[in-house]
């Protein structure tokens, strides 16, 4: 039984509204006001009465079905109170039967969703500023898979462009092979930072950097050998971070992958008249679309970031036949992607306006301000993850020194805390990183949700589980009903997260479940209850455990059984 649909049909039979229209208007009020509420404003015009009068009339005239306990008017709202025992039995039976599949759907129909995320720049260490794209993109990958799409993850590595001209310039001036071999990516980043400090007084260094990049594009073997070396060093370092985060990708095709694919696209832009020459460069005039012009070829013949992104869109469409292509990057690139997507549309690809989606996010900052690789003040991702694991390890030693497999739990909680701290926020908002907030076992944190899962496991481990004849109609307290209602929201929250490209909806849902369970756990004895009530509450605990684990899994976070 879908209680919302049943109530909608009840109202449709008593009014001139369609059941679907009624269902769309039904709200979830404060629990004290009811379990469902219908605002009667929609009926005022046709019934020619005040909404409050309509609510009173309907409350008095509607025949009370078995699945409802009462129908009450409250001003212009008609409030419905469900038969709690029946509601508990219906919802929990559905959840238990579905198990780990509860909330999953097939609305995607197997359509391919390509997700471009993480995409760190080569020759720079992976700092915490890269975290947001990585974990937001990975969560979206899981969300779309969960809803029946076929997600395809692309780590579009920043392995091409003028930045390599800068590093080669720095290497030629201040570096050597021995230092790079000894220092690895740290030495490459030192050279990058030094370049940006030196260029302030020696602007000619920028010209040298552009010249080196042009040599790369023209196939200069010395420049390309350095580039390959720098990229190999970088990939070895970044792979360690992805292993810690337990994230893999279907493709690591970076910017360089499109080197031999851009010329046909530029030629097409020219032949279709989409791109026009301007002082030796080639641009797409976007003034009519209220955007600055999009440069696709510099006057020296070199391509730029936009050229590669436009090419990547068209290649991925041919390769994957996607129904959506998501680009998960910072909000400072909103204009860039608006321009690129518009250029693709102007080339005659009408699908671009619907299927190409930029998923922007705010900055992750330190208390002292924004991080920057150029300034050398970035907080390294490796250091953050290791520090987080170490702090959780110390907490375990203090609070539960006899915990089995402490190292695994420390890894799961320490890394999960960092991921959850990021995903708990609306992605467009800037996030200030705080150790205290991220690692707390109290409040709205990852460890709190993980601990709730472990608490469920602990309760279940202490009981003999036999749910064959559980009488779920015993679950009628306020705390039980609120928890059951919260669990039942999972399918809608998953769909909403996909529609809005917002993983924080899943994180907030997981938190709401954890909070509802802990209130239920505190106010309702489980193991000390009478046999039938105990069995029903264990059944509810089992369903809670399963849904928390699924929600955390979607976010890329493990669910420890003990903490």
Protein backbone atom coordinates (compact mmCIF):
# COMPACT_ATOMS: atom_id res chain seq x y z
CA UNK A 1 0.00 0.00 0.00
CA UNK A 2 1.18 3.51 -0.86
CA UNK A 3 -0.49 5.62 1.82
CA UNK A 4 -0.01 8.87 -0.08
CA UNK A 5 -1.68 7.45 -3.20
CA UNK A 6 -4.53 5.98 -1.17
CA UNK A 7 -5.18 9.35 0.48
CA UNK A 8 -5.03 11.06 -2.91
CA UNK A 9 -7.62 8.66 -4.30
CA UNK A 10 -9.83 9.21 -1.25
CA UNK A 11 -9.76 12.97 -1.85
CA UNK A 12 -10.18 12.62 -5.62
CA UNK A 13 -13.39 10.65 -5.06
CA UNK A 14 -14.74 13.46 -2.87
CA UNK A 15 -13.66 16.43 -5.05
CA UNK A 16 -13.29 17.38 -8.68
CA UNK A 17 -9.52 16.90 -8.67
CA UNK A 18 -7.53 14.12 -10.33
CA UNK A 19 -5.75 11.69 -8.01
CA UNK A 20 -2.36 12.54 -9.53
CA UNK A 21 -2.94 16.25 -8.96
CA UNK A 22 -3.92 15.61 -5.35
CA UNK A 23 -0.89 13.39 -4.75
CA UNK A 24 1.41 16.15 -6.04
CA UNK A 25 -0.08 18.59 -3.53
CA UNK A 26 0.02 16.34 -0.46
CA UNK A 27 2.63 17.48 2.07
CA UNK A 28 4.42 15.96 5.06
CA UNK A 29 3.63 18.24 8.03
CA UNK A 30 5.16 18.47 11.46
CA UNK A 31 4.42 15.07 13.11
CA UNK A 32 2.19 16.69 15.72
CA UNK A 33 -0.06 17.98 12.91
CA UNK A 34 -0.42 14.64 11.15
CA UNK A 35 1.36 12.20 8.90
CA UNK A 36 0.08 13.73 5.65
CA UNK A 37 -1.58 17.05 4.90
CA UNK A 38 -3.57 18.42 1.97
CA UNK A 39 -3.81 22.21 1.49
CA UNK A 40 -7.36 23.03 0.43
CA UNK A 41 -6.50 26.22 -1.47
CA UNK A 42 -6.80 24.33 -4.77
CA UNK A 43 -10.49 23.71 -4.10
CA UNK A 44 -11.48 27.27 -3.13
CA UNK A 45 -12.26 28.43 -6.66
CA UNK A 46 -14.38 25.48 -7.76
CA UNK A 47 -16.17 24.97 -4.43
CA UNK A 48 -16.57 28.74 -3.91
CA UNK A 49 -15.70 28.49 -0.21
CA UNK A 50 -12.84 29.53 2.00
CA UNK A 51 -10.10 26.86 2.27
CA UNK A 52 -10.66 26.51 6.03
CA UNK A 53 -14.38 25.85 5.48
CA UNK A 54 -13.57 23.24 2.84
CA UNK A 55 -11.15 21.51 5.23
CA UNK A 56 -13.85 21.40 7.93
CA UNK A 57 -16.42 20.02 5.48
CA UNK A 58 -14.14 17.29 4.16
CA UNK A 59 -13.02 16.27 7.67
CA UNK A 60 -16.67 15.77 8.62
CA UNK A 61 -17.80 14.03 5.43
CA UNK A 62 -14.96 11.71 4.44
CA UNK A 63 -15.52 8.10 5.45
CA UNK A 64 -12.56 6.90 7.52
CA UNK A 65 -10.79 3.95 5.81
CA UNK A 66 -9.02 1.26 7.82
CA UNK A 67 -5.55 2.58 7.04
CA UNK A 68 -6.30 5.95 8.69
CA UNK A 69 -6.69 6.63 12.38
CA UNK A 70 -8.28 10.06 11.95
CA UNK A 71 -8.82 13.00 9.58
CA UNK A 72 -8.66 16.47 11.12
CA UNK A 73 -9.02 20.02 9.82
CA UNK A 74 -6.48 22.65 10.89
CA UNK A 75 -7.23 25.97 9.26
CA UNK A 76 -6.96 25.53 5.47
CA UNK A 77 -5.24 22.14 5.84
CA UNK A 78 -6.76 18.68 5.98
CA UNK A 79 -4.50 16.49 8.12
CA UNK A 80 -4.40 12.69 7.97
CA UNK A 81 -3.19 10.46 10.80
CA UNK A 82 -2.35 6.93 9.69
CA UNK A 83 -3.16 3.71 11.49
CA UNK A 84 0.31 3.36 13.01
CA UNK A 85 0.45 -0.39 13.32
CA UNK A 86 -0.73 -0.94 9.77
CA UNK A 87 1.64 1.73 8.47
CA UNK A 88 4.61 0.14 10.25
CA UNK A 89 3.77 -3.30 8.92
CA UNK A 90 3.28 -2.10 5.34
CA UNK A 91 6.44 0.03 5.13
CA UNK A 92 8.85 -2.22 7.02
CA UNK A 93 7.73 -5.36 5.16
CA UNK A 94 8.47 -3.57 1.90
CA UNK A 95 11.89 -2.42 3.12
CA UNK A 96 12.85 -5.81 4.54
CA UNK A 97 11.84 -7.63 1.39
CA UNK A 98 13.89 -5.28 -0.79
CA UNK A 99 16.92 -5.49 1.52
CA UNK A 100 19.96 -3.74 0.10
CA UNK A 101 17.94 -2.95 -3.03
CA UNK A 102 15.49 -0.69 -1.21
CA UNK A 103 15.51 2.74 -2.82
CA UNK A 104 17.02 1.46 -6.05
CA UNK A 105 15.04 2.03 -9.23
CA UNK A 106 15.28 1.47 -12.97
CA UNK A 107 14.21 4.92 -14.11
CA UNK A 108 17.52 5.32 -15.93
CA UNK A 109 16.66 2.47 -18.27
CA UNK A 110 20.33 1.69 -18.80
CA UNK A 111 21.05 5.09 -20.35
CA UNK A 112 24.71 6.11 -20.16
CA UNK A 113 25.70 9.00 -17.91
CA UNK A 114 29.28 10.14 -18.46
CA UNK A 115 30.73 11.90 -15.41
CA UNK A 116 33.94 13.92 -15.68
CA UNK A 117 35.40 14.47 -12.21
CA UNK A 118 38.50 14.72 -10.04
CA UNK A 119 40.79 15.62 -12.98
CA UNK A 120 43.86 16.81 -11.05
CA UNK A 121 46.66 18.63 -12.82
CA UNK A 122 49.77 16.62 -13.46
CA UNK A 123 53.07 17.74 -11.91
CA UNK A 124 51.21 19.03 -8.84
CA UNK A 125 50.50 17.18 -5.65
CA UNK A 126 46.93 16.20 -4.89
CA UNK A 127 45.78 18.79 -2.34
CA UNK A 128 42.55 18.99 -0.41
CA UNK A 129 41.16 21.47 -2.92
CA UNK A 130 40.83 18.52 -5.32
CA UNK A 131 38.68 16.65 -2.81
CA UNK A 132 35.36 18.22 -3.75
CA UNK A 133 35.35 17.28 -7.43
CA UNK A 134 36.53 13.78 -6.56
CA UNK A 135 33.95 12.89 -3.90
CA UNK A 136 31.03 14.79 -5.45
CA UNK A 137 31.67 13.15 -8.81
CA UNK A 138 32.07 9.68 -7.29
CA UNK A 139 28.83 10.05 -5.32
CA UNK A 140 26.97 11.12 -8.48
CA UNK A 141 28.46 8.11 -10.26
CA UNK A 142 26.96 5.86 -7.56
CA UNK A 143 23.64 7.71 -7.46
CA UNK A 144 23.01 7.33 -11.18
CA UNK A 145 23.99 3.66 -11.10
CA UNK A 146 21.58 3.23 -8.18
CA UNK A 147 18.77 4.62 -10.30
CA UNK A 148 19.27 2.33 -13.26
CA UNK A 149 21.63 4.38 -15.40
CA UNK A 150 25.00 3.13 -16.60
CA UNK A 151 27.52 5.53 -15.12
CA UNK A 152 30.88 5.97 -16.82
CA UNK A 153 33.58 7.79 -14.86
CA UNK A 154 36.27 9.83 -16.59
CA UNK A 155 39.29 11.28 -14.81
CA UNK A 156 40.07 14.03 -17.32
CA UNK A 157 43.64 14.53 -16.21
CA UNK A 158 45.16 17.99 -16.58
CA UNK A 159 48.06 16.56 -18.54
CA UNK A 160 48.37 19.16 -21.29
CA UNK A 161 48.47 22.91 -21.65
CA UNK A 162 50.63 25.92 -20.86
CA UNK A 163 51.20 24.70 -17.29
CA UNK A 164 53.62 22.13 -18.72
CA UNK A 165 55.39 24.89 -20.58
CA UNK A 166 55.80 26.61 -17.22
CA UNK A 167 57.20 23.52 -15.51
CA UNK A 168 59.60 22.81 -18.38
CA UNK A 169 60.74 26.45 -18.26
CA UNK A 170 61.31 26.16 -14.51
CA UNK A 171 63.12 22.84 -14.95
CA UNK A 172 65.43 24.34 -17.57
CA UNK A 173 66.26 27.32 -15.34
CA UNK A 174 66.36 25.87 -11.83
CA UNK A 175 65.97 22.10 -11.97
CA UNK A 176 67.91 18.98 -12.83
CA UNK A 177 67.28 15.26 -13.35
CA UNK A 178 68.80 14.14 -10.06
CA UNK A 179 66.61 16.46 -7.97
CA UNK A 180 63.43 15.40 -9.77
CA UNK A 181 64.28 11.72 -9.42
CA UNK A 182 64.92 12.20 -5.71
CA UNK A 183 62.06 14.56 -4.93
CA UNK A 184 59.42 13.32 -7.35
CA UNK A 185 56.23 15.31 -7.50
CA UNK A 186 57.33 17.52 -4.59
CA UNK A 187 60.24 18.76 -6.67
CA UNK A 188 57.97 19.36 -9.67
CA UNK A 189 55.63 21.40 -7.52
CA UNK A 190 58.55 23.36 -6.06
CA UNK A 191 59.58 24.30 -9.60
CA UNK A 192 55.98 25.29 -10.43
CA UNK A 193 55.74 27.57 -7.38
CA UNK A 194 59.17 29.07 -8.13
CA UNK A 195 58.09 29.87 -11.69
CA UNK A 196 55.12 31.90 -10.44
CA UNK A 197 57.28 33.79 -7.98
CA UNK A 198 59.97 34.56 -10.56
CA UNK A 199 57.54 35.57 -13.32
CA UNK A 200 56.39 38.55 -11.24
CA UNK A 201 59.75 40.21 -11.92
CA UNK A 202 60.57 38.44 -15.18
CA UNK A 203 57.43 38.46 -17.38
CA UNK A 204 59.46 37.08 -20.28
CA UNK A 205 59.23 33.70 -18.52
CA UNK A 206 55.58 33.53 -19.61
CA UNK A 207 56.70 33.85 -23.24
CA UNK A 208 59.18 31.03 -22.72
CA UNK A 209 56.44 28.84 -21.19
CA UNK A 210 54.13 29.44 -24.14
CA UNK A 211 57.00 28.63 -26.51
CA UNK A 212 57.70 25.33 -24.75
CA UNK A 213 54.03 24.34 -24.90
CA UNK A 214 53.93 25.13 -28.61
CA UNK A 215 56.96 22.85 -29.04
CA UNK A 216 55.01 20.12 -27.29
CA UNK A 217 52.09 20.57 -29.65
CA UNK A 218 54.44 20.52 -32.63
CA UNK A 219 55.95 17.19 -31.53
CA UNK A 220 59.32 18.31 -30.15
CA UNK A 221 60.74 15.07 -28.70
CA UNK A 222 62.79 16.67 -25.93
CA UNK A 223 59.75 18.58 -24.65
CA UNK A 224 57.53 15.49 -24.94
CA UNK A 225 60.05 13.29 -23.14
CA UNK A 226 60.02 15.70 -20.20
CA UNK A 227 56.21 15.81 -20.32
CA UNK A 228 55.93 12.00 -20.25
CA UNK A 229 58.36 11.81 -17.35
CA UNK A 230 56.52 14.44 -15.33
CA UNK A 231 53.18 12.73 -16.02
CA UNK A 232 54.48 9.30 -14.92
CA UNK A 233 55.74 10.78 -11.64
CA UNK A 234 52.39 12.48 -11.08
CA UNK A 235 50.24 9.43 -11.81
CA UNK A 236 52.22 7.30 -9.33
CA UNK A 237 51.54 9.88 -6.61
CA UNK A 238 47.85 10.41 -7.43
CA UNK A 239 47.18 6.66 -7.57
CA UNK A 240 48.03 6.42 -3.86
CA UNK A 241 45.30 8.95 -3.04
CA UNK A 242 42.67 7.15 -5.11
CA UNK A 243 43.58 3.89 -3.39
CA UNK A 244 43.08 5.50 0.03
CA UNK A 245 39.69 6.86 -1.08
CA UNK A 246 38.80 3.49 -2.69
CA UNK A 247 37.93 5.25 -5.94
CA UNK A 248 38.69 3.98 -9.42
CA UNK A 249 37.84 5.31 -12.87
CA UNK A 250 36.62 3.80 -16.11
CA UNK A 251 38.88 6.13 -18.08
CA UNK A 252 41.98 8.21 -17.38
CA UNK A 253 41.93 9.90 -20.78
CA UNK A 254 43.21 13.39 -20.05
CA UNK A 255 43.56 16.50 -22.14
CA UNK A 256 46.46 15.04 -24.13
CA UNK A 257 44.18 12.26 -25.41
CA UNK A 258 42.52 14.84 -27.67
CA UNK A 259 45.69 16.17 -29.30
CA UNK A 260 45.08 14.35 -32.57
CA UNK A 261 41.32 14.92 -32.46
CA UNK A 262 41.13 18.72 -32.28
CA UNK A 263 42.14 19.64 -35.83
CA UNK A 264 38.99 18.13 -37.44
CA UNK A 265 36.82 19.93 -34.87
CA UNK A 266 38.53 23.28 -35.49
CA UNK A 267 38.18 22.71 -39.25
CA UNK A 268 34.48 21.97 -38.77
CA UNK A 269 34.03 25.15 -36.72
CA UNK A 270 35.66 27.12 -39.53
CA UNK A 271 33.79 25.43 -42.40
CA UNK A 272 30.41 25.90 -40.71
CA UNK A 273 31.17 29.54 -40.04
CA UNK A 274 30.79 29.00 -36.32
CA UNK A 275 34.37 30.19 -35.75
CA UNK A 276 35.69 33.36 -37.36
CA UNK A 277 39.19 34.76 -37.64
CA UNK A 278 40.13 37.63 -35.36
CA UNK A 279 43.66 39.09 -35.54
CA UNK A 280 45.12 35.73 -36.49
CA UNK A 281 43.20 33.81 -33.80
CA UNK A 282 39.93 31.91 -34.27
CA UNK A 283 36.97 32.70 -32.05
CA UNK A 284 33.27 31.91 -31.74
CA UNK A 285 31.23 35.07 -31.36
CA UNK A 286 28.82 34.53 -28.46
CA UNK A 287 27.67 38.11 -28.01
CA UNK A 288 24.15 37.20 -29.15
CA UNK A 289 24.04 34.69 -26.31
CA UNK A 290 25.20 37.26 -23.75
CA UNK A 291 28.61 35.67 -23.27
CA UNK A 292 32.15 36.72 -24.12
CA UNK A 293 33.65 35.27 -27.29
CA UNK A 294 35.10 31.76 -27.04
CA UNK A 295 38.70 31.45 -28.23
CA UNK A 296 39.33 28.08 -29.92
CA UNK A 297 42.70 28.68 -31.61
CA UNK A 298 45.38 31.15 -30.57
CA UNK A 299 47.13 33.38 -33.11
CA UNK A 300 50.24 31.19 -32.83
CA UNK A 301 48.20 28.13 -33.83
CA UNK A 302 48.07 26.58 -30.34
CA UNK A 303 44.85 25.14 -28.96
CA UNK A 304 43.48 26.01 -25.54
CA UNK A 305 41.42 24.45 -22.77
CA UNK A 306 38.13 25.25 -24.55
CA UNK A 307 39.29 23.53 -27.75
CA UNK A 308 39.94 20.34 -25.86
CA UNK A 309 36.67 20.46 -23.92
CA UNK A 310 34.60 20.99 -27.07
CA UNK A 311 36.44 18.10 -28.69
CA UNK A 312 35.95 15.90 -25.63
CA UNK A 313 32.18 16.48 -25.68
CA UNK A 314 31.85 15.37 -29.29
CA UNK A 315 34.19 12.41 -28.89
CA UNK A 316 32.36 11.17 -25.79
CA UNK A 317 28.99 11.48 -27.51
CA UNK A 318 30.25 9.30 -30.36
CA UNK A 319 32.00 6.87 -28.02
CA UNK A 320 29.40 6.39 -25.29
CA UNK A 321 26.08 7.57 -26.80
CA UNK A 322 25.37 9.24 -23.46
CA UNK A 323 22.00 10.60 -22.34
CA UNK A 324 23.79 12.96 -19.94
CA UNK A 325 27.34 14.22 -19.65
CA UNK A 326 28.24 15.80 -16.32
CA UNK A 327 31.26 18.01 -15.75
CA UNK A 328 32.03 18.31 -12.03
CA UNK A 329 34.30 21.33 -11.61
CA UNK A 330 34.53 24.46 -9.45
CA UNK A 331 32.09 27.32 -9.83
CA UNK A 332 34.80 29.54 -11.32
CA UNK A 333 34.37 27.53 -14.53
CA UNK A 334 30.66 28.23 -14.95
CA UNK A 335 31.24 30.67 -17.82
CA UNK A 336 33.81 28.40 -19.48
CA UNK A 337 31.41 25.46 -19.72
CA UNK A 338 28.48 27.67 -20.74
CA UNK A 339 30.63 28.85 -23.66
CA UNK A 340 31.80 25.36 -24.62
CA UNK A 341 28.32 23.86 -24.48
CA UNK A 342 26.92 26.74 -26.54
CA UNK A 343 29.63 26.24 -29.19
CA UNK A 344 28.69 22.55 -29.45
CA UNK A 345 25.04 23.54 -29.86
CA UNK A 346 25.91 26.12 -32.55
CA UNK A 347 27.69 23.35 -34.47
CA UNK A 348 24.24 21.84 -34.99
CA UNK A 349 24.06 19.46 -32.03
CA UNK A 350 20.71 20.36 -30.48
CA UNK A 351 21.10 17.73 -27.76
CA UNK A 352 23.80 19.87 -26.16
CA UNK A 353 21.33 22.16 -24.40
CA UNK A 354 19.67 19.25 -22.59
CA UNK A 355 22.37 16.64 -22.18
CA UNK A 356 25.48 18.66 -21.27
CA UNK A 357 25.46 19.65 -17.62
CA UNK A 358 28.03 21.55 -15.62
CA UNK A 359 27.91 20.59 -11.93
CA UNK A 360 29.70 23.46 -10.18
CA UNK A 361 30.82 23.49 -6.57
CA UNK A 362 32.17 26.02 -4.10
CA UNK A 363 35.67 26.26 -2.70
CA UNK A 364 37.14 24.24 0.10
CA UNK A 365 39.13 26.66 2.21
CA UNK A 366 41.34 26.70 5.28
CA UNK A 367 40.56 29.06 8.18
CA UNK A 368 43.25 31.39 6.84
CA UNK A 369 41.72 31.53 3.36
CA UNK A 370 41.74 29.95 -0.10
CA UNK A 371 44.44 27.45 -1.03
CA UNK A 372 46.64 27.78 -4.10
CA UNK A 373 49.22 25.48 -5.70
CA UNK A 374 50.81 28.55 -7.26
CA UNK A 375 51.39 30.11 -3.86
CA UNK A 376 52.44 26.81 -2.30
CA UNK A 377 49.95 26.98 0.59
CA UNK A 378 47.78 23.99 -0.30
CA UNK A 379 46.93 21.37 2.33
CA UNK A 380 47.98 18.03 0.84
CA UNK A 381 45.32 15.35 0.46
CA UNK A 382 47.67 12.59 1.56
CA UNK A 383 48.50 14.47 4.77
CA UNK A 384 44.83 15.16 5.50
CA UNK A 385 43.76 11.53 5.04
CA UNK A 386 46.66 10.14 7.07
CA UNK A 387 46.14 12.70 9.85
CA UNK A 388 42.43 11.91 9.96
CA UNK A 389 43.08 8.18 10.24
CA UNK A 390 45.67 8.76 12.97
CA UNK A 391 43.32 10.95 15.01
CA UNK A 392 40.56 8.34 14.78
CA UNK A 393 43.09 5.66 15.72
CA UNK A 394 43.91 7.61 18.88
CA UNK A 395 40.21 8.00 19.71
CA UNK A 396 39.69 4.24 19.37
CA UNK A 397 42.64 3.59 21.68
CA UNK A 398 41.10 5.90 24.27
CA UNK A 399 37.50 4.72 24.05
CA UNK A 400 37.58 1.12 22.79
CA UNK A 401 41.14 -0.28 22.96
CA UNK A 402 39.92 -3.89 22.65
CA UNK A 403 38.14 -3.27 19.34
CA UNK A 404 38.87 -6.00 16.81
CA UNK A 405 40.63 -4.94 13.59
CA UNK A 406 41.26 -1.42 14.90
CA UNK A 407 43.37 -0.42 11.90
CA UNK A 408 40.63 -1.17 9.37
CA UNK A 409 38.06 0.71 11.43
CA UNK A 410 40.40 3.70 11.82
CA UNK A 411 40.85 3.78 8.04
CA UNK A 412 37.12 3.51 7.36
CA UNK A 413 36.11 6.15 9.90
CA UNK A 414 39.01 8.53 9.32
CA UNK A 415 38.58 8.64 5.56
CA UNK A 416 34.79 8.47 5.78
CA UNK A 417 34.83 11.52 8.05
CA UNK A 418 36.63 13.61 5.45
CA UNK A 419 34.27 12.52 2.66
CA UNK A 420 31.11 13.05 4.72
CA UNK A 421 32.27 16.45 5.92
CA UNK A 422 32.46 17.57 2.31
CA UNK A 423 29.28 15.94 1.01
CA UNK A 424 27.10 17.12 3.89
CA UNK A 425 27.13 20.60 2.39
CA UNK A 426 25.20 21.97 -0.56
CA UNK A 427 27.86 21.65 -3.26
CA UNK A 428 27.68 25.27 -4.47
CA UNK A 429 28.55 26.61 -1.01
CA UNK A 430 32.12 27.25 0.07
CA UNK A 431 33.30 24.89 2.81
CA UNK A 432 35.84 25.77 5.47
CA UNK A 433 37.80 22.72 6.57
CA UNK A 434 37.84 22.05 10.32
CA UNK A 435 39.37 19.02 12.03
CA UNK A 436 37.13 19.35 15.07
CA UNK A 437 33.94 19.46 13.03
CA UNK A 438 34.93 16.65 10.64
CA UNK A 439 36.09 14.11 13.20
CA UNK A 440 33.57 14.57 16.00
CA UNK A 441 31.53 11.52 17.00
CA UNK A 442 28.73 13.87 18.00
CA UNK A 443 26.69 16.24 15.89
CA UNK A 444 26.16 16.09 12.15
CA UNK A 445 29.26 14.14 11.14
CA UNK A 446 30.28 11.00 9.31
CA UNK A 447 31.55 9.22 12.45
CA UNK A 448 28.15 9.83 14.08
CA UNK A 449 26.33 8.10 11.21
CA UNK A 450 28.88 5.27 11.09
CA UNK A 451 28.60 4.82 14.86
CA UNK A 452 24.82 4.56 14.50
CA UNK A 453 25.28 1.74 11.99
CA UNK A 454 27.67 0.01 14.40
CA UNK A 455 25.14 0.48 17.21
CA UNK A 456 22.47 -1.26 15.09
CA UNK A 457 24.90 -4.12 14.44
CA UNK A 458 25.69 -4.39 18.15
CA UNK A 459 22.03 -4.61 19.14
CA UNK A 460 21.30 -7.23 16.48
CA UNK A 461 24.35 -9.28 17.50
CA UNK A 462 23.00 -9.60 21.04
CA UNK A 463 19.68 -11.12 19.94
CA UNK A 464 18.43 -14.27 18.29
CA UNK A 465 17.11 -13.07 14.96
CA UNK A 466 13.93 -14.74 13.78
CA UNK A 467 11.63 -12.36 11.98
CA UNK A 468 9.30 -15.00 10.55
CA UNK A 469 6.35 -14.12 12.81
CA UNK A 470 7.29 -10.55 13.83
CA UNK A 471 4.16 -8.54 14.62
CA UNK A 472 5.07 -5.14 13.19
CA UNK A 473 1.76 -3.62 14.28
CA UNK A 474 3.41 -3.39 17.72
CA UNK A 475 5.43 -0.41 16.43
CA UNK A 476 3.20 2.52 17.35
CA UNK A 477 5.28 4.98 19.44
CA UNK A 478 6.11 8.45 18.14
CA UNK A 479 9.81 7.55 17.82
CA UNK A 480 9.09 4.32 15.96
CA UNK A 481 6.75 6.00 13.52
CA UNK A 482 9.15 8.87 12.86
CA UNK A 483 12.00 6.45 12.13
CA UNK A 484 9.84 4.36 9.80
CA UNK A 485 8.66 7.45 7.94
CA UNK A 486 12.26 8.61 7.58
CA UNK A 487 13.38 5.25 6.19
CA UNK A 488 10.51 5.28 3.71
CA UNK A 489 11.80 8.56 2.25
CA UNK A 490 14.89 6.90 0.78
CA UNK A 491 13.59 6.26 -2.78
CA UNK A 492 12.43 9.88 -3.11
CA UNK A 493 15.67 11.26 -1.70
CA UNK A 494 17.71 9.18 -4.15
CA UNK A 495 15.71 10.49 -7.10
CA UNK A 496 15.93 14.05 -5.82
CA UNK A 497 19.71 13.75 -5.47
CA UNK A 498 19.97 12.72 -9.13
CA UNK A 499 17.56 15.38 -10.38
CA UNK A 500 19.47 18.13 -8.58
CA UNK A 501 22.95 16.61 -8.96
CA UNK A 502 23.26 17.01 -5.18
CA UNK A 503 24.92 14.23 -3.14
CA UNK A 504 24.32 16.23 0.04
CA UNK A 505 20.68 15.07 -0.16
CA UNK A 506 21.85 11.51 0.48
CA UNK A 507 24.21 12.67 3.24
CA UNK A 508 21.40 14.61 4.94
CA UNK A 509 19.11 11.62 4.56
CA UNK A 510 21.67 9.33 6.23
CA UNK A 511 21.97 11.83 9.06
CA UNK A 512 18.18 12.05 9.50
CA UNK A 513 18.01 8.25 9.76
CA UNK A 514 20.83 8.19 12.32
CA UNK A 515 19.19 10.90 14.41
CA UNK A 516 15.75 9.23 14.25
CA UNK A 517 17.22 5.85 15.20
CA UNK A 518 19.15 7.21 18.17
CA UNK A 519 16.04 8.92 19.51
CA UNK A 520 14.10 5.67 19.04
CA UNK A 521 16.95 3.71 20.70
CA UNK A 522 17.08 6.10 23.66
CA UNK A 523 13.32 6.18 24.33
CA UNK A 524 12.26 2.63 23.40
CA UNK A 525 13.86 -0.44 25.07
CA UNK A 526 14.74 -3.06 22.49
CA UNK A 527 16.37 -6.07 24.15
CA UNK A 528 14.50 -5.54 27.43
CA UNK A 529 11.06 -5.25 25.82
CA UNK A 530 8.53 -8.10 25.85
CA UNK A 531 9.19 -10.82 23.26
CA UNK A 532 6.83 -9.57 20.53
CA UNK A 533 7.80 -5.92 20.90
CA UNK A 534 11.48 -6.87 20.99
CA UNK A 535 11.14 -8.83 17.77
CA UNK A 536 9.38 -5.94 16.03
CA UNK A 537 11.97 -3.43 17.23
CA UNK A 538 14.81 -5.68 16.11
CA UNK A 539 13.13 -5.88 12.72
CA UNK A 540 13.10 -2.06 12.61
CA UNK A 541 16.75 -1.97 13.71
CA UNK A 542 17.72 -4.37 10.94
CA UNK A 543 15.99 -2.23 8.29
CA UNK A 544 17.71 0.87 9.66
CA UNK A 545 21.13 -0.79 9.51
CA UNK A 546 20.62 -1.84 5.89
CA UNK A 547 19.54 1.61 4.73
CA UNK A 548 22.34 3.45 6.54
CA UNK A 549 24.89 1.11 4.94
CA UNK A 550 23.37 1.65 1.49
CA UNK A 551 23.28 5.44 1.86
CA UNK A 552 26.87 5.57 3.12
CA UNK A 553 27.94 3.28 0.29
CA UNK A 554 26.45 5.66 -2.28
CA UNK A 555 28.55 8.44 -0.75
CA UNK A 556 31.68 6.29 -1.01
CA UNK A 557 31.87 5.65 2.75
CA UNK A 558 32.25 2.33 4.54
CA UNK A 559 29.84 1.21 7.28
CA UNK A 560 31.82 -0.48 10.10
CA UNK A 561 30.04 -3.15 12.12
CA UNK A 562 31.99 -2.25 15.26
CA UNK A 563 33.48 1.03 16.48
